[in-house]
């Protein structure tokens, strides 16, 4: 009989997911979106970033 997997283990970020997030954030065009006065809201940035990591909900991406 297999043991249940702890919830925090399911939601843990893999190295690949973290790397993908960092690569997206390092792109110059995406860095411009993060600048104050860019007319893009934090919620929009989180949504666009979460689109790049479909294995995580936007809430988790925003927290990360």
N, C-alpha and C. Protein backbone atom coordinates (compact mmCIF):
# COMPACT_ATOMS: atom_id res chain seq x y z
N UNK A 1 0.84 -1.17 0.00
CA UNK A 1 0.00 0.00 0.00
C UNK A 1 0.89 1.24 0.00
N UNK A 2 0.68 2.14 -0.93
CA UNK A 2 1.50 3.34 -1.01
C UNK A 2 1.05 4.37 0.02
N UNK A 3 2.01 5.15 0.48
CA UNK A 3 1.70 6.18 1.46
C UNK A 3 1.26 7.45 0.74
N UNK A 4 0.36 8.21 1.36
CA UNK A 4 -0.08 9.45 0.72
C UNK A 4 1.06 10.46 0.64
N UNK A 5 1.05 11.23 -0.42
CA UNK A 5 2.08 12.25 -0.62
C UNK A 5 1.64 13.51 0.11
N UNK A 6 2.56 14.11 0.86
CA UNK A 6 2.25 15.34 1.59
C UNK A 6 1.91 16.45 0.60
N UNK A 7 0.94 17.28 0.97
CA UNK A 7 0.49 18.36 0.08
C UNK A 7 1.63 19.29 -0.30
N UNK A 8 2.52 19.61 0.65
CA UNK A 8 3.61 20.53 0.33
C UNK A 8 4.59 19.94 -0.67
N UNK A 9 4.65 18.62 -0.76
CA UNK A 9 5.53 17.98 -1.74
C UNK A 9 4.95 18.14 -3.15
N UNK A 10 3.65 18.09 -3.27
CA UNK A 10 3.01 18.24 -4.58
C UNK A 10 3.21 19.66 -5.09
N UNK A 11 3.14 20.63 -4.19
CA UNK A 11 3.20 22.02 -4.59
C UNK A 11 4.62 22.57 -4.65
N UNK A 12 5.61 21.80 -4.27
CA UNK A 12 6.99 22.29 -4.28
C UNK A 12 7.42 22.63 -5.70
N UNK A 13 8.22 23.68 -5.81
CA UNK A 13 8.73 24.09 -7.11
C UNK A 13 9.91 23.20 -7.50
N UNK A 14 9.90 22.73 -8.73
CA UNK A 14 11.04 21.96 -9.22
C UNK A 14 12.12 22.94 -9.68
N UNK A 15 13.32 22.43 -9.81
CA UNK A 15 14.42 23.26 -10.30
C UNK A 15 14.11 23.77 -11.71
N UNK A 16 13.48 22.94 -12.51
CA UNK A 16 13.14 23.33 -13.89
C UNK A 16 12.11 24.46 -13.90
N UNK A 17 11.10 24.38 -13.04
CA UNK A 17 10.09 25.44 -12.98
C UNK A 17 10.71 26.75 -12.53
N UNK A 18 11.56 26.69 -11.52
CA UNK A 18 12.23 27.89 -11.03
C UNK A 18 13.13 28.48 -12.10
N UNK A 19 13.87 27.64 -12.79
CA UNK A 19 14.76 28.11 -13.86
C UNK A 19 13.96 28.77 -14.98
N UNK A 20 12.84 28.17 -15.33
CA UNK A 20 12.00 28.73 -16.38
C UNK A 20 11.48 30.11 -15.97
N UNK A 21 11.08 30.24 -14.71
CA UNK A 21 10.61 31.53 -14.20
C UNK A 21 11.73 32.56 -14.26
N UNK A 22 12.92 32.20 -13.84
CA UNK A 22 14.05 33.13 -13.84
C UNK A 22 14.41 33.55 -15.27
N UNK A 23 14.41 32.61 -16.20
CA UNK A 23 14.72 32.94 -17.59
C UNK A 23 13.71 33.93 -18.15
N UNK A 24 12.43 33.74 -17.85
CA UNK A 24 11.40 34.64 -18.34
C UNK A 24 11.61 36.03 -17.76
N UNK A 25 11.91 36.11 -16.47
CA UNK A 25 12.10 37.40 -15.81
C UNK A 25 13.37 38.12 -16.27
N UNK A 26 14.36 37.38 -16.74
CA UNK A 26 15.61 37.99 -17.17
C UNK A 26 15.55 38.58 -18.58
N UNK A 27 14.54 38.23 -19.35
CA UNK A 27 14.43 38.77 -20.71
C UNK A 27 14.18 40.27 -20.64
N UNK A 28 14.95 41.06 -21.40
CA UNK A 28 14.83 42.53 -21.35
C UNK A 28 13.41 43.05 -21.57
N UNK A 29 12.67 42.47 -22.49
CA UNK A 29 11.31 42.96 -22.74
C UNK A 29 10.40 42.71 -21.54
N UNK A 30 10.65 41.64 -20.80
CA UNK A 30 9.86 41.35 -19.61
C UNK A 30 10.31 42.22 -18.44
N UNK A 31 11.58 42.56 -18.38
CA UNK A 31 12.06 43.45 -17.33
C UNK A 31 11.43 44.83 -17.47
N UNK A 32 11.21 45.27 -18.69
CA UNK A 32 10.55 46.57 -18.92
C UNK A 32 9.14 46.56 -18.35
N UNK A 33 8.49 45.42 -18.42
CA UNK A 33 7.13 45.32 -17.88
C UNK A 33 7.12 45.46 -16.36
N UNK A 34 8.24 45.15 -15.73
CA UNK A 34 8.32 45.20 -14.27
C UNK A 34 8.65 46.59 -13.74
N UNK A 35 9.04 47.49 -14.61
CA UNK A 35 9.44 48.83 -14.19
C UNK A 35 8.24 49.64 -13.74
N UNK A 36 8.45 50.46 -12.73
CA UNK A 36 7.40 51.36 -12.25
C UNK A 36 7.02 52.32 -13.38
N UNK A 37 5.74 52.51 -13.56
CA UNK A 37 5.26 53.39 -14.62
C UNK A 37 5.10 52.70 -15.96
N UNK A 38 5.19 51.38 -16.00
CA UNK A 38 5.08 50.67 -17.27
C UNK A 38 3.64 50.50 -17.74
N UNK A 39 2.69 50.91 -16.94
CA UNK A 39 1.25 50.82 -17.21
C UNK A 39 0.73 49.37 -17.18
N UNK A 40 1.54 48.46 -16.73
CA UNK A 40 1.11 47.07 -16.56
C UNK A 40 0.99 46.81 -15.06
N UNK A 41 -0.14 46.28 -14.65
CA UNK A 41 -0.37 46.04 -13.23
C UNK A 41 0.35 44.79 -12.75
N UNK A 42 0.53 44.70 -11.46
CA UNK A 42 1.17 43.52 -10.86
C UNK A 42 0.38 42.26 -11.19
N UNK A 43 -0.94 42.37 -11.16
CA UNK A 43 -1.79 41.23 -11.47
C UNK A 43 -1.58 40.75 -12.91
N UNK A 44 -1.43 41.70 -13.84
CA UNK A 44 -1.18 41.34 -15.25
C UNK A 44 0.18 40.66 -15.39
N UNK A 45 1.18 41.17 -14.69
CA UNK A 45 2.51 40.57 -14.76
C UNK A 45 2.47 39.15 -14.23
N UNK A 46 1.80 38.95 -13.11
CA UNK A 46 1.70 37.61 -12.54
C UNK A 46 0.98 36.68 -13.49
N UNK A 47 -0.08 37.16 -14.11
CA UNK A 47 -0.83 36.35 -15.06
C UNK A 47 0.03 35.95 -16.26
N UNK A 48 0.78 36.92 -16.81
CA UNK A 48 1.65 36.62 -17.96
C UNK A 48 2.77 35.65 -17.56
N UNK A 49 3.29 35.82 -16.37
CA UNK A 49 4.35 34.93 -15.89
C UNK A 49 3.79 33.53 -15.65
N UNK A 50 2.60 33.45 -15.05
CA UNK A 50 1.98 32.15 -14.78
C UNK A 50 1.69 31.38 -16.07
N UNK A 51 1.43 32.12 -17.15
CA UNK A 51 1.21 31.46 -18.44
C UNK A 51 2.44 30.67 -18.88
N UNK A 52 3.61 31.09 -18.43
CA UNK A 52 4.85 30.42 -18.80
C UNK A 52 5.09 29.14 -17.98
N UNK A 53 4.38 29.02 -16.85
CA UNK A 53 4.56 27.86 -15.97
C UNK A 53 3.17 27.27 -15.71
N UNK A 54 2.66 26.49 -16.65
CA UNK A 54 1.30 25.98 -16.54
C UNK A 54 1.08 24.99 -15.40
N UNK A 55 2.15 24.51 -14.80
CA UNK A 55 2.02 23.55 -13.70
C UNK A 55 1.73 24.22 -12.37
N UNK A 56 1.78 25.55 -12.33
CA UNK A 56 1.54 26.30 -11.09
C UNK A 56 0.41 27.30 -11.28
N UNK A 57 -0.47 27.42 -10.29
CA UNK A 57 -1.51 28.45 -10.37
C UNK A 57 -0.90 29.83 -10.21
N UNK A 58 -1.59 30.84 -10.67
CA UNK A 58 -1.05 32.20 -10.63
C UNK A 58 -0.76 32.65 -9.22
N UNK A 59 -1.53 32.17 -8.23
CA UNK A 59 -1.28 32.55 -6.84
C UNK A 59 0.11 32.11 -6.40
N UNK A 60 0.51 30.91 -6.79
CA UNK A 60 1.83 30.38 -6.42
C UNK A 60 2.94 31.14 -7.14
N UNK A 61 2.69 31.48 -8.39
CA UNK A 61 3.68 32.24 -9.17
C UNK A 61 3.85 33.62 -8.57
N UNK A 62 2.77 34.25 -8.20
CA UNK A 62 2.83 35.57 -7.59
C UNK A 62 3.58 35.56 -6.27
N UNK A 63 3.39 34.52 -5.50
CA UNK A 63 4.08 34.41 -4.23
C UNK A 63 5.58 34.18 -4.44
N UNK A 64 5.90 33.37 -5.42
CA UNK A 64 7.31 33.05 -5.70
C UNK A 64 8.03 34.29 -6.14
